[in-house]
């Protein structure tokens, strides 16, 4: 039986905190998230330190009223699970619970975003965990190649730094630095809640509003994110490692999410490189056997983004497959090519973008 669609409700409190709720009664569960508009590109003088990622590891470790381990126990007691993740431009903490556990989950998320203590001993332990995570990334050819791609594609933008940070900068960070960043970024007017599921919308909004009633909006100067300069020629980086298969990326600099070409590029990515029936998979993998796997993707931040094709490939086939895709990309730019029955992007930028 299909559930009648109920539109989400959005409420903005006087202190700038936004609360987005949507009722979904088809299952007795709910998802509660709190988003902070702070990611690795917003770390200011500590750019490249991975402060946002450190906080992702630390906020569930304890608050002024919840010692280390208490949050884990509370979530287990209501049958829920919790996690968090960090991206370039935001950090998200979420808890999934049976519907009767919603008040507990909301209380915890409101608590960690206002009253986290960042215990020194817990921080030192997590810093070692993060260092091991950095080492593991070096041994993962997919992630390692992805990092090289962003380092190559962006010469000025903070997107050139890995979200997890660089070891040399990360190792200089103290608890005071992390706590100052927490106090600066985790303010009501830089947060928003998303609560979806078998919920009482009025009760959810009322609870969050009460728990943030003592917090006022705080001035938050915008972070300066420089525009990436135009690229006038291809860039190519080849890095050897002890891997059986190569991970290759062919990327183009494209406009950001607010540009009118956003939708056409998203559509193009789906047509050429999503799923088994996609054109690249059918041509390069199924018909020619040149790659072990291939997909396309479109990364669209506020500033310049990337349109890319990524593949897992035998080293001997790298040049051959690159030439084949370059030949295919000329068809994407030409709406008169067979099967290309769409209008080309509005400003015809594709021919002027170079692979990075």
C-alpha atoms as a PDB file:
ATOM      1  CA  UNK A   1       0.000   0.000   0.000  1.00  0.00           C
ATOM      2  CA  UNK A   2       1.431   3.360  -1.008  1.00  0.00           C
ATOM      3  CA  UNK A   3       1.670   6.154   1.518  1.00  0.00           C
ATOM      4  CA  UNK A   4       0.232   9.560   0.702  1.00  0.00           C
ATOM      5  CA  UNK A   5       3.085  11.991   0.121  1.00  0.00           C
ATOM      6  CA  UNK A   6       3.413  14.599   2.858  1.00  0.00           C
ATOM      7  CA  UNK A   7       5.584  17.565   2.030  1.00  0.00           C
ATOM      8  CA  UNK A   8       8.428  18.428   4.413  1.00  0.00           C
ATOM      9  CA  UNK A   9       8.018  21.343   6.788  1.00  0.00           C
ATOM     10  CA  UNK A  10      10.785  23.848   7.400  1.00  0.00           C
ATOM     11  CA  UNK A  11      11.001  26.086  10.439  1.00  0.00           C
ATOM     12  CA  UNK A  12      13.718  28.628  11.116  1.00  0.00           C
ATOM     13  CA  UNK A  13      14.193  29.699  14.722  1.00  0.00           C
ATOM     14  CA  UNK A  14      15.105  33.215  15.807  1.00  0.00           C
ATOM     15  CA  UNK A  15      18.689  32.102  16.462  1.00  0.00           C
ATOM     16  CA  UNK A  16      19.046  30.915  12.848  1.00  0.00           C
ATOM     17  CA  UNK A  17      18.703  27.174  13.488  1.00  0.00           C
ATOM     18  CA  UNK A  18      16.664  25.430  10.784  1.00  0.00           C
ATOM     19  CA  UNK A  19      14.509  22.356  11.419  1.00  0.00           C
ATOM     20  CA  UNK A  20      13.292  20.236   8.487  1.00  0.00           C
ATOM     21  CA  UNK A  21      10.730  17.540   9.269  1.00  0.00           C
ATOM     22  CA  UNK A  22       8.732  15.084   7.198  1.00  0.00           C
ATOM     23  CA  UNK A  23       6.225  12.509   8.402  1.00  0.00           C
ATOM     24  CA  UNK A  24       6.519   8.993   6.921  1.00  0.00           C
ATOM     25  CA  UNK A  25       4.212   6.558   8.699  1.00  0.00           C
ATOM     26  CA  UNK A  26       4.865   3.481   6.551  1.00  0.00           C
ATOM     27  CA  UNK A  27       7.393   2.092   9.084  1.00  0.00           C
ATOM     28  CA  UNK A  28       7.762   2.744  12.849  1.00  0.00           C
ATOM     29  CA  UNK A  29      11.268   4.193  12.523  1.00  0.00           C
ATOM     30  CA  UNK A  30      12.854   7.597  12.132  1.00  0.00           C
ATOM     31  CA  UNK A  31      16.105   9.127  10.915  1.00  0.00           C
ATOM     32  CA  UNK A  32      17.458  12.145  12.769  1.00  0.00           C
ATOM     33  CA  UNK A  33      20.336  14.153  11.348  1.00  0.00           C
ATOM     34  CA  UNK A  34      22.119  17.358  12.257  1.00  0.00           C
ATOM     35  CA  UNK A  35      24.142  19.067   9.541  1.00  0.00           C
ATOM     36  CA  UNK A  36      26.921  21.559  10.204  1.00  0.00           C
ATOM     37  CA  UNK A  37      27.833  23.830   7.298  1.00  0.00           C
ATOM     38  CA  UNK A  38      31.520  23.299   7.928  1.00  0.00           C
ATOM     39  CA  UNK A  39      33.751  20.893   6.052  1.00  0.00           C
ATOM     40  CA  UNK A  40      37.391  20.617   5.136  1.00  0.00           C
ATOM     41  CA  UNK A  41      37.319  23.711   2.891  1.00  0.00           C
ATOM     42  CA  UNK A  42      36.220  25.910   5.808  1.00  0.00           C
ATOM     43  CA  UNK A  43      39.158  25.365   8.155  1.00  0.00           C
ATOM     44  CA  UNK A  44      40.754  28.778   7.638  1.00  0.00           C
ATOM     45  CA  UNK A  45      44.256  29.055   9.051  1.00  0.00           C
ATOM     46  CA  UNK A  46      44.201  25.298   9.652  1.00  0.00           C
ATOM     47  CA  UNK A  47      43.394  24.423   6.044  1.00  0.00           C
ATOM     48  CA  UNK A  48      44.727  20.937   5.413  1.00  0.00           C
ATOM     49  CA  UNK A  49      44.562  19.905   9.081  1.00  0.00           C
ATOM     50  CA  UNK A  50      41.315  17.949   8.852  1.00  0.00           C
ATOM     51  CA  UNK A  51      39.679  19.654  11.857  1.00  0.00           C
ATOM     52  CA  UNK A  52      36.163  18.916  10.603  1.00  0.00           C
ATOM     53  CA  UNK A  53      37.039  15.234  10.355  1.00  0.00           C
ATOM     54  CA  UNK A  54      38.532  15.249  13.864  1.00  0.00           C
ATOM     55  CA  UNK A  55      35.246  16.595  15.242  1.00  0.00           C
ATOM     56  CA  UNK A  56      33.370  13.878  13.380  1.00  0.00           C
ATOM     57  CA  UNK A  57      35.363  11.366  15.441  1.00  0.00           C
ATOM     58  CA  UNK A  58      34.988  13.273  18.707  1.00  0.00           C
ATOM     59  CA  UNK A  59      31.482  14.630  19.185  1.00  0.00           C
ATOM     60  CA  UNK A  60      29.961  11.296  20.233  1.00  0.00           C
ATOM     61  CA  UNK A  61      32.760  10.812  22.809  1.00  0.00           C
ATOM     62  CA  UNK A  62      31.110  12.797  25.573  1.00  0.00           C
ATOM     63  CA  UNK A  63      29.414  16.004  26.690  1.00  0.00           C
ATOM     64  CA  UNK A  64      29.127  17.980  29.918  1.00  0.00           C
ATOM     65  CA  UNK A  65      26.370  15.641  31.131  1.00  0.00           C
ATOM     66  CA  UNK A  66      27.294  12.468  29.260  1.00  0.00           C
ATOM     67  CA  UNK A  67      30.694  10.902  30.063  1.00  0.00           C
ATOM     68  CA  UNK A  68      32.531   8.781  27.453  1.00  0.00           C
ATOM     69  CA  UNK A  69      30.523   5.664  26.620  1.00  0.00           C
ATOM     70  CA  UNK A  70      27.203   7.057  27.844  1.00  0.00           C
ATOM     71  CA  UNK A  71      25.947   8.057  24.378  1.00  0.00           C
ATOM     72  CA  UNK A  72      26.696   4.611  22.936  1.00  0.00           C
ATOM     73  CA  UNK A  73      24.726   2.999  25.755  1.00  0.00           C
ATOM     74  CA  UNK A  74      21.726   5.301  25.365  1.00  0.00           C
ATOM     75  CA  UNK A  75      21.487   4.609  21.641  1.00  0.00           C
ATOM     76  CA  UNK A  76      21.744   0.851  22.218  1.00  0.00           C
ATOM     77  CA  UNK A  77      19.035   1.025  24.890  1.00  0.00           C
ATOM     78  CA  UNK A  78      16.510   2.419  22.378  1.00  0.00           C
ATOM     79  CA  UNK A  79      17.569   0.003  19.621  1.00  0.00           C
ATOM     80  CA  UNK A  80      19.210   2.611  17.400  1.00  0.00           C
ATOM     81  CA  UNK A  81      22.470   3.169  15.591  1.00  0.00           C
ATOM     82  CA  UNK A  82      24.551   6.278  14.995  1.00  0.00           C
ATOM     83  CA  UNK A  83      27.312   7.472  12.721  1.00  0.00           C
ATOM     84  CA  UNK A  84      28.768  10.572  11.086  1.00  0.00           C
ATOM     85  CA  UNK A  85      30.636  11.665   7.990  1.00  0.00           C
ATOM     86  CA  UNK A  86      32.621  14.641   6.749  1.00  0.00           C
ATOM     87  CA  UNK A  87      32.727  16.136   3.276  1.00  0.00           C
ATOM     88  CA  UNK A  88      34.401  19.148   1.703  1.00  0.00           C
ATOM     89  CA  UNK A  89      31.606  21.527   2.735  1.00  0.00           C
ATOM     90  CA  UNK A  90      29.622  19.944   5.578  1.00  0.00           C
ATOM     91  CA  UNK A  91      29.720  17.466   8.450  1.00  0.00           C
ATOM     92  CA  UNK A  92      26.721  15.292   9.306  1.00  0.00           C
ATOM     93  CA  UNK A  93      25.820  13.358  12.467  1.00  0.00           C
ATOM     94  CA  UNK A  94      22.893  10.962  12.324  1.00  0.00           C
ATOM     95  CA  UNK A  95      20.955   8.512  14.460  1.00  0.00           C
ATOM     96  CA  UNK A  96      18.411   5.962  13.225  1.00  0.00           C
ATOM     97  CA  UNK A  97      15.951   4.722  15.833  1.00  0.00           C
ATOM     98  CA  UNK A  98      12.568   3.084  16.331  1.00  0.00           C
ATOM     99  CA  UNK A  99       9.961   5.845  16.562  1.00  0.00           C
ATOM    100  CA  UNK A 100       9.745   5.671  20.355  1.00  0.00           C
ATOM    101  CA  UNK A 101      13.461   6.523  20.545  1.00  0.00           C
ATOM    102  CA  UNK A 102      13.155   9.830  18.657  1.00  0.00           C
ATOM    103  CA  UNK A 103      13.221  12.066  21.792  1.00  0.00           C
ATOM    104  CA  UNK A 104      16.438  10.371  22.982  1.00  0.00           C
ATOM    105  CA  UNK A 105      18.125  10.762  19.589  1.00  0.00           C
ATOM    106  CA  UNK A 106      17.167  14.441  19.355  1.00  0.00           C
ATOM    107  CA  UNK A 107      18.414  15.089  22.880  1.00  0.00           C
ATOM    108  CA  UNK A 108      21.784  13.504  22.079  1.00  0.00           C
ATOM    109  CA  UNK A 109      22.288  15.402  18.805  1.00  0.00           C
ATOM    110  CA  UNK A 110      21.338  18.705  20.431  1.00  0.00           C
ATOM    111  CA  UNK A 111      23.732  17.921  23.262  1.00  0.00           C
ATOM    112  CA  UNK A 112      26.787  17.025  21.166  1.00  0.00           C
ATOM    113  CA  UNK A 113      26.439  20.100  18.949  1.00  0.00           C
ATOM    114  CA  UNK A 114      26.357  22.425  21.975  1.00  0.00           C
ATOM    115  CA  UNK A 115      28.137  20.779  24.891  1.00  0.00           C
ATOM    116  CA  UNK A 116      30.819  18.393  23.582  1.00  0.00           C
ATOM    117  CA  UNK A 117      33.817  18.243  25.923  1.00  0.00           C
ATOM    118  CA  UNK A 118      36.384  16.666  23.587  1.00  0.00           C
ATOM    119  CA  UNK A 119      38.135  14.724  26.393  1.00  0.00           C
ATOM    120  CA  UNK A 120      41.922  14.931  26.076  1.00  0.00           C
ATOM    121  CA  UNK A 121      42.507  11.190  26.461  1.00  0.00           C
ATOM    122  CA  UNK A 122      39.792  10.374  23.911  1.00  0.00           C
ATOM    123  CA  UNK A 123      41.234  12.913  21.483  1.00  0.00           C
ATOM    124  CA  UNK A 124      44.722  11.430  21.693  1.00  0.00           C
ATOM    125  CA  UNK A 125      43.300   7.977  21.042  1.00  0.00           C
ATOM    126  CA  UNK A 126      41.277   9.183  18.041  1.00  0.00           C
ATOM    127  CA  UNK A 127      44.247  11.071  16.620  1.00  0.00           C
ATOM    128  CA  UNK A 128      46.124   7.767  16.464  1.00  0.00           C
ATOM    129  CA  UNK A 129      43.100   6.177  14.770  1.00  0.00           C
ATOM    130  CA  UNK A 130      43.053   8.959  12.176  1.00  0.00           C
ATOM    131  CA  UNK A 131      46.783   8.592  11.498  1.00  0.00           C
ATOM    132  CA  UNK A 132      46.252   4.883  10.831  1.00  0.00           C
ATOM    133  CA  UNK A 133      43.355   5.819   8.580  1.00  0.00           C
ATOM    134  CA  UNK A 134      45.701   8.104   6.608  1.00  0.00           C
ATOM    135  CA  UNK A 135      48.156   5.235   6.205  1.00  0.00           C
ATOM    136  CA  UNK A 136      45.391   2.911   5.033  1.00  0.00           C
ATOM    137  CA  UNK A 137      44.343   5.406   2.368  1.00  0.00           C
ATOM    138  CA  UNK A 138      47.838   5.197   0.871  1.00  0.00           C
ATOM    139  CA  UNK A 139      47.331   1.456   0.375  1.00  0.00           C
ATOM    140  CA  UNK A 140      43.932   1.866  -1.304  1.00  0.00           C
ATOM    141  CA  UNK A 141      44.532   2.497  -5.028  1.00  0.00           C
ATOM    142  CA  UNK A 142      41.039   3.879  -5.599  1.00  0.00           C
ATOM    143  CA  UNK A 143      41.224   6.493  -2.865  1.00  0.00           C
ATOM    144  CA  UNK A 144      44.844   7.255  -3.602  1.00  0.00           C
ATOM    145  CA  UNK A 145      44.089   7.963  -7.253  1.00  0.00           C
ATOM    146  CA  UNK A 146      41.066  10.072  -6.289  1.00  0.00           C
ATOM    147  CA  UNK A 147      43.263  12.208  -4.059  1.00  0.00           C
ATOM    148  CA  UNK A 148      45.768  12.690  -6.887  1.00  0.00           C
ATOM    149  CA  UNK A 149      42.916  13.735  -9.166  1.00  0.00           C
ATOM    150  CA  UNK A 150      41.785  16.556  -6.860  1.00  0.00           C
ATOM    151  CA  UNK A 151      45.380  17.658  -6.237  1.00  0.00           C
ATOM    152  CA  UNK A 152      45.868  17.890  -9.979  1.00  0.00           C
ATOM    153  CA  UNK A 153      42.517  19.431 -10.895  1.00  0.00           C
ATOM    154  CA  UNK A 154      42.645  22.195  -8.270  1.00  0.00           C
ATOM    155  CA  UNK A 155      45.673  24.455  -7.948  1.00  0.00           C
ATOM    156  CA  UNK A 156      44.168  27.231  -5.784  1.00  0.00           C
ATOM    157  CA  UNK A 157      40.874  25.944  -4.401  1.00  0.00           C
ATOM    158  CA  UNK A 158      40.932  24.298  -0.923  1.00  0.00           C
ATOM    159  CA  UNK A 159      39.404  21.266  -2.652  1.00  0.00           C
ATOM    160  CA  UNK A 160      43.001  20.294  -3.405  1.00  0.00           C
ATOM    161  CA  UNK A 161      43.425  19.235   0.248  1.00  0.00           C
ATOM    162  CA  UNK A 162      42.159  15.822   1.420  1.00  0.00           C
ATOM    163  CA  UNK A 163      39.206  15.896   3.812  1.00  0.00           C
ATOM    164  CA  UNK A 164      41.123  13.823   6.344  1.00  0.00           C
ATOM    165  CA  UNK A 165      44.024  16.301   6.306  1.00  0.00           C
ATOM    166  CA  UNK A 166      47.735  16.169   5.636  1.00  0.00           C
ATOM    167  CA  UNK A 167      49.881  14.439   8.291  1.00  0.00           C
ATOM    168  CA  UNK A 168      52.385  17.286   8.659  1.00  0.00           C
ATOM    169  CA  UNK A 169      49.645  19.839   9.370  1.00  0.00           C
ATOM    170  CA  UNK A 170      47.414  17.443  11.278  1.00  0.00           C
ATOM    171  CA  UNK A 171      50.206  16.550  13.724  1.00  0.00           C
ATOM    172  CA  UNK A 172      50.483  20.198  14.804  1.00  0.00           C
ATOM    173  CA  UNK A 173      46.867  20.374  15.965  1.00  0.00           C
ATOM    174  CA  UNK A 174      46.161  20.623  19.714  1.00  0.00           C
ATOM    175  CA  UNK A 175      42.947  20.111  21.660  1.00  0.00           C
ATOM    176  CA  UNK A 176      42.661  23.894  22.031  1.00  0.00           C
ATOM    177  CA  UNK A 177      42.738  24.293  18.247  1.00  0.00           C
ATOM    178  CA  UNK A 178      40.011  21.668  17.760  1.00  0.00           C
ATOM    179  CA  UNK A 179      37.840  23.121  20.530  1.00  0.00           C
ATOM    180  CA  UNK A 180      38.165  26.669  19.154  1.00  0.00           C
ATOM    181  CA  UNK A 181      37.070  25.426  15.727  1.00  0.00           C
ATOM    182  CA  UNK A 182      34.118  23.606  17.347  1.00  0.00           C
ATOM    183  CA  UNK A 183      32.998  26.757  19.165  1.00  0.00           C
ATOM    184  CA  UNK A 184      33.329  28.857  15.999  1.00  0.00           C
ATOM    185  CA  UNK A 185      31.453  26.586  13.606  1.00  0.00           C
ATOM    186  CA  UNK A 186      28.906  24.728  15.752  1.00  0.00           C
ATOM    187  CA  UNK A 187      26.517  27.606  16.309  1.00  0.00           C
ATOM    188  CA  UNK A 188      22.736  27.645  15.703  1.00  0.00           C
ATOM    189  CA  UNK A 189      22.909  29.733  12.541  1.00  0.00           C
ATOM    190  CA  UNK A 190      25.389  27.270  11.005  1.00  0.00           C
ATOM    191  CA  UNK A 191      23.370  24.118  11.772  1.00  0.00           C
ATOM    192  CA  UNK A 192      20.193  22.496  10.549  1.00  0.00           C
ATOM    193  CA  UNK A 193      18.252  19.405  11.644  1.00  0.00           C
ATOM    194  CA  UNK A 194      16.534  16.898   9.362  1.00  0.00           C
ATOM    195  CA  UNK A 195      14.023  14.530  10.992  1.00  0.00           C
ATOM    196  CA  UNK A 196      12.079  12.086   8.819  1.00  0.00           C
ATOM    197  CA  UNK A 197       9.904   9.107   9.688  1.00  0.00           C
ATOM    198  CA  UNK A 198       7.167   8.053  12.080  1.00  0.00           C
ATOM    199  CA  UNK A 199       7.257  11.288  14.085  1.00  0.00           C
ATOM    200  CA  UNK A 200       5.086  13.942  15.685  1.00  0.00           C
ATOM    201  CA  UNK A 201       6.277  17.037  13.819  1.00  0.00           C
ATOM    202  CA  UNK A 202       5.093  19.521  16.429  1.00  0.00           C
ATOM    203  CA  UNK A 203       6.760  17.587  19.263  1.00  0.00           C
ATOM    204  CA  UNK A 204      10.046  17.320  17.339  1.00  0.00           C
ATOM    205  CA  UNK A 205      10.189  21.036  16.578  1.00  0.00           C
ATOM    206  CA  UNK A 206       9.196  21.935  20.140  1.00  0.00           C
ATOM    207  CA  UNK A 207      11.901  19.711  21.656  1.00  0.00           C
ATOM    208  CA  UNK A 208      14.700  21.067  19.445  1.00  0.00           C
ATOM    209  CA  UNK A 209      13.547  24.650  20.003  1.00  0.00           C
ATOM    210  CA  UNK A 210      13.605  24.183  23.789  1.00  0.00           C
ATOM    211  CA  UNK A 211      17.026  22.509  23.770  1.00  0.00           C
ATOM    212  CA  UNK A 212      18.493  25.416  21.760  1.00  0.00           C
ATOM    213  CA  UNK A 213      16.574  28.151  23.595  1.00  0.00           C
ATOM    214  CA  UNK A 214      19.680  29.393  25.422  1.00  0.00           C
ATOM    215  CA  UNK A 215      21.822  29.677  22.308  1.00  0.00           C
ATOM    216  CA  UNK A 216      21.864  32.884  20.313  1.00  0.00           C
ATOM    217  CA  UNK A 217      22.936  33.442  16.739  1.00  0.00           C
ATOM    218  CA  UNK A 218      26.644  34.207  16.490  1.00  0.00           C
ATOM    219  CA  UNK A 219      28.424  36.297  13.854  1.00  0.00           C
ATOM    220  CA  UNK A 220      30.094  33.987  11.354  1.00  0.00           C
ATOM    221  CA  UNK A 221      32.122  35.695   8.628  1.00  0.00           C
ATOM    222  CA  UNK A 222      31.894  33.787   5.343  1.00  0.00           C
ATOM    223  CA  UNK A 223      34.877  31.665   4.401  1.00  0.00           C
ATOM    224  CA  UNK A 224      36.624  32.873   1.276  1.00  0.00           C
ATOM    225  CA  UNK A 225      36.713  30.088  -1.295  1.00  0.00           C
ATOM    226  CA  UNK A 226      38.726  31.288  -4.312  1.00  0.00           C
ATOM    227  CA  UNK A 227      37.580  30.500  -7.819  1.00  0.00           C
ATOM    228  CA  UNK A 228      39.789  28.051  -9.650  1.00  0.00           C
ATOM    229  CA  UNK A 229      41.442  29.792 -12.624  1.00  0.00           C
ATOM    230  CA  UNK A 230      40.631  28.611 -16.109  1.00  0.00           C
ATOM    231  CA  UNK A 231      42.747  25.776 -17.430  1.00  0.00           C
ATOM    232  CA  UNK A 232      44.584  26.265 -20.727  1.00  0.00           C
ATOM    233  CA  UNK A 233      45.977  22.816 -21.338  1.00  0.00           C
ATOM    234  CA  UNK A 234      45.784  19.217 -20.154  1.00  0.00           C
ATOM    235  CA  UNK A 235      47.440  18.051 -16.942  1.00  0.00           C
ATOM    236  CA  UNK A 236      48.523  14.469 -16.517  1.00  0.00           C
ATOM    237  CA  UNK A 237      49.860  12.630 -13.496  1.00  0.00           C
ATOM    238  CA  UNK A 238      50.920   8.987 -13.461  1.00  0.00           C
ATOM    239  CA  UNK A 239      51.879   7.408 -10.156  1.00  0.00           C
ATOM    240  CA  UNK A 240      53.171   3.866  -9.877  1.00  0.00           C
ATOM    241  CA  UNK A 241      52.463   1.628  -6.925  1.00  0.00           C
ATOM    242  CA  UNK A 242      52.347  -2.030  -5.845  1.00  0.00           C
ATOM    243  CA  UNK A 243      48.874  -2.595  -7.308  1.00  0.00           C
ATOM    244  CA  UNK A 244      47.629  -5.263  -9.684  1.00  0.00           C
ATOM    245  CA  UNK A 245      45.250  -2.938 -11.519  1.00  0.00           C
ATOM    246  CA  UNK A 246      45.366   0.728 -12.371  1.00  0.00           C
ATOM    247  CA  UNK A 247      42.767   3.299 -11.348  1.00  0.00           C
ATOM    248  CA  UNK A 248      42.422   5.997 -13.978  1.00  0.00           C
ATOM    249  CA  UNK A 249      40.426   9.237 -14.016  1.00  0.00           C
ATOM    250  CA  UNK A 250      39.775  11.483 -16.983  1.00  0.00           C
ATOM    251  CA  UNK A 251      38.215  14.711 -15.698  1.00  0.00           C
ATOM    252  CA  UNK A 252      37.052  18.037 -17.098  1.00  0.00           C
ATOM    253  CA  UNK A 253      36.642  21.294 -15.231  1.00  0.00           C
ATOM    254  CA  UNK A 254      32.961  22.336 -15.376  1.00  0.00           C
ATOM    255  CA  UNK A 255      30.757  25.038 -13.835  1.00  0.00           C
ATOM    256  CA  UNK A 256      29.392  24.725 -10.289  1.00  0.00           C
ATOM    257  CA  UNK A 257      25.946  23.738  -9.073  1.00  0.00           C
ATOM    258  CA  UNK A 258      24.321  27.147  -9.636  1.00  0.00           C
ATOM    259  CA  UNK A 259      25.161  27.199 -13.336  1.00  0.00           C
ATOM    260  CA  UNK A 260      22.344  26.477 -15.782  1.00  0.00           C
ATOM    261  CA  UNK A 261      24.345  23.576 -17.264  1.00  0.00           C
ATOM    262  CA  UNK A 262      24.049  21.683 -13.972  1.00  0.00           C
ATOM    263  CA  UNK A 263      21.044  19.582 -15.051  1.00  0.00           C
ATOM    264  CA  UNK A 264      22.374  18.725 -18.551  1.00  0.00           C
ATOM    265  CA  UNK A 265      25.692  17.605 -17.078  1.00  0.00           C
ATOM    266  CA  UNK A 266      23.946  15.472 -14.473  1.00  0.00           C
ATOM    267  CA  UNK A 267      21.876  13.867 -17.221  1.00  0.00           C
ATOM    268  CA  UNK A 268      24.908  13.310 -19.421  1.00  0.00           C
ATOM    269  CA  UNK A 269      26.747  11.577 -16.574  1.00  0.00           C
ATOM    270  CA  UNK A 270      23.841   9.196 -16.055  1.00  0.00           C
ATOM    271  CA  UNK A 271      23.538   8.360 -19.738  1.00  0.00           C
ATOM    272  CA  UNK A 272      27.176   7.666 -20.489  1.00  0.00           C
ATOM    273  CA  UNK A 273      28.461   6.073 -17.312  1.00  0.00           C
ATOM    274  CA  UNK A 274      25.851   4.834 -14.814  1.00  0.00           C
ATOM    275  CA  UNK A 275      25.073   1.135 -14.722  1.00  0.00           C
ATOM    276  CA  UNK A 276      25.615  -1.821 -17.013  1.00  0.00           C
ATOM    277  CA  UNK A 277      23.556  -0.358 -19.839  1.00  0.00           C
ATOM    278  CA  UNK A 278      25.528   2.894 -19.952  1.00  0.00           C
ATOM    279  CA  UNK A 279      27.331   3.699 -23.163  1.00  0.00           C
ATOM    280  CA  UNK A 280      30.846   3.620 -21.753  1.00  0.00           C
ATOM    281  CA  UNK A 281      30.285   0.297 -20.012  1.00  0.00           C
ATOM    282  CA  UNK A 282      28.731  -1.263 -23.085  1.00  0.00           C
ATOM    283  CA  UNK A 283      31.467   0.001 -25.385  1.00  0.00           C
ATOM    284  CA  UNK A 284      34.709  -0.161 -23.387  1.00  0.00           C
ATOM    285  CA  UNK A 285      33.956  -3.043 -21.050  1.00  0.00           C
ATOM    286  CA  UNK A 286      31.447  -5.339 -22.705  1.00  0.00           C
ATOM    287  CA  UNK A 287      32.381  -4.904 -26.374  1.00  0.00           C
ATOM    288  CA  UNK A 288      36.093  -4.036 -26.369  1.00  0.00           C
ATOM    289  CA  UNK A 289      37.147  -5.527 -23.024  1.00  0.00           C
ATOM    290  CA  UNK A 290      39.487  -2.598 -22.381  1.00  0.00           C
ATOM    291  CA  UNK A 291      38.514  -1.957 -18.736  1.00  0.00           C
ATOM    292  CA  UNK A 292      37.512  -4.015 -15.708  1.00  0.00           C
ATOM    293  CA  UNK A 293      35.024  -1.355 -14.628  1.00  0.00           C
ATOM    294  CA  UNK A 294      34.044   2.142 -15.701  1.00  0.00           C
ATOM    295  CA  UNK A 295      31.665   4.877 -14.531  1.00  0.00           C
ATOM    296  CA  UNK A 296      31.142   8.589 -14.942  1.00  0.00           C
ATOM    297  CA  UNK A 297      30.379  11.126 -12.229  1.00  0.00           C
ATOM    298  CA  UNK A 298      29.720  14.819 -11.802  1.00  0.00           C
ATOM    299  CA  UNK A 299      30.994  16.707  -8.758  1.00  0.00           C
ATOM    300  CA  UNK A 300      29.249  20.065  -8.481  1.00  0.00           C
ATOM    301  CA  UNK A 301      30.210  22.348  -5.574  1.00  0.00           C
ATOM    302  CA  UNK A 302      29.337  26.053  -5.480  1.00  0.00           C
ATOM    303  CA  UNK A 303      32.491  26.914  -7.396  1.00  0.00           C
ATOM    304  CA  UNK A 304      34.126  25.003 -10.244  1.00  0.00           C
ATOM    305  CA  UNK A 305      33.409  21.274 -10.317  1.00  0.00           C
ATOM    306  CA  UNK A 306      34.524  18.189 -12.188  1.00  0.00           C
ATOM    307  CA  UNK A 307      32.932  15.959 -14.793  1.00  0.00           C
ATOM    308  CA  UNK A 308      34.895  12.717 -14.788  1.00  0.00           C
ATOM    309  CA  UNK A 309      35.132   9.186 -16.070  1.00  0.00           C
ATOM    310  CA  UNK A 310      36.813   6.711 -13.716  1.00  0.00           C
ATOM    311  CA  UNK A 311      37.953   3.230 -14.634  1.00  0.00           C
ATOM    312  CA  UNK A 312      39.752   0.200 -13.275  1.00  0.00           C
ATOM    313  CA  UNK A 313      42.131  -0.907 -15.948  1.00  0.00           C
ATOM    314  CA  UNK A 314      45.197  -2.910 -16.942  1.00  0.00           C
ATOM    315  CA  UNK A 315      48.184  -0.576 -17.204  1.00  0.00           C
ATOM    316  CA  UNK A 316      48.802  -1.653 -20.788  1.00  0.00           C
ATOM    317  CA  UNK A 317      45.359  -0.369 -21.804  1.00  0.00           C
ATOM    318  CA  UNK A 318      45.634   3.103 -20.261  1.00  0.00           C
ATOM    319  CA  UNK A 319      46.609   5.055 -23.372  1.00  0.00           C
ATOM    320  CA  UNK A 320      44.300   3.078 -25.634  1.00  0.00           C
ATOM    321  CA  UNK A 321      41.236   3.605 -23.419  1.00  0.00           C
ATOM    322  CA  UNK A 322      42.036   7.303 -22.939  1.00  0.00           C
ATOM    323  CA  UNK A 323      42.131   7.799 -26.693  1.00  0.00           C
ATOM    324  CA  UNK A 324      38.893   5.897 -27.075  1.00  0.00           C
ATOM    325  CA  UNK A 325      37.100   8.049 -24.508  1.00  0.00           C
ATOM    326  CA  UNK A 326      38.514  11.248 -25.985  1.00  0.00           C
ATOM    327  CA  UNK A 327      37.087  10.169 -29.324  1.00  0.00           C
ATOM    328  CA  UNK A 328      33.726   9.408 -27.711  1.00  0.00           C
ATOM    329  CA  UNK A 329      33.644  12.753 -25.873  1.00  0.00           C
ATOM    330  CA  UNK A 330      33.634  14.585 -29.210  1.00  0.00           C
ATOM    331  CA  UNK A 331      30.270  12.923 -29.901  1.00  0.00           C
ATOM    332  CA  UNK A 332      28.918  14.225 -26.574  1.00  0.00           C
ATOM    333  CA  UNK A 333      29.777  17.769 -27.639  1.00  0.00           C
ATOM    334  CA  UNK A 334      28.052  17.376 -30.993  1.00  0.00           C
ATOM    335  CA  UNK A 335      24.254  17.184 -30.725  1.00  0.00           C
ATOM    336  CA  UNK A 336      24.068  15.977 -34.340  1.00  0.00           C
ATOM    337  CA  UNK A 337      26.007  12.781 -33.625  1.00  0.00           C
ATOM    338  CA  UNK A 338      23.976   9.553 -33.898  1.00  0.00           C
ATOM    339  CA  UNK A 339      22.044   8.956 -30.687  1.00  0.00           C
ATOM    340  CA  UNK A 340      22.909  12.374 -29.263  1.00  0.00           C
ATOM    341  CA  UNK A 341      19.442  13.892 -29.545  1.00  0.00           C
ATOM    342  CA  UNK A 342      19.764  16.698 -27.003  1.00  0.00           C
ATOM    343  CA  UNK A 343      20.874  20.304 -26.995  1.00  0.00           C
ATOM    344  CA  UNK A 344      24.498  20.863 -26.065  1.00  0.00           C
ATOM    345  CA  UNK A 345      25.231  22.776 -22.806  1.00  0.00           C
ATOM    346  CA  UNK A 346      24.090  26.356 -22.933  1.00  0.00           C
ATOM    347  CA  UNK A 347      27.416  28.109 -23.298  1.00  0.00           C
ATOM    348  CA  UNK A 348      29.141  25.393 -25.388  1.00  0.00           C
ATOM    349  CA  UNK A 349      31.958  25.197 -22.833  1.00  0.00           C
ATOM    350  CA  UNK A 350      32.718  21.524 -23.374  1.00  0.00           C
ATOM    351  CA  UNK A 351      35.197  21.995 -26.233  1.00  0.00           C
ATOM    352  CA  UNK A 352      37.157  24.476 -24.120  1.00  0.00           C
ATOM    353  CA  UNK A 353      37.570  22.258 -21.059  1.00  0.00           C
ATOM    354  CA  UNK A 354      40.760  20.258 -20.926  1.00  0.00           C
ATOM    355  CA  UNK A 355      41.238  16.910 -19.203  1.00  0.00           C
ATOM    356  CA  UNK A 356      43.109  17.202 -15.910  1.00  0.00           C
END
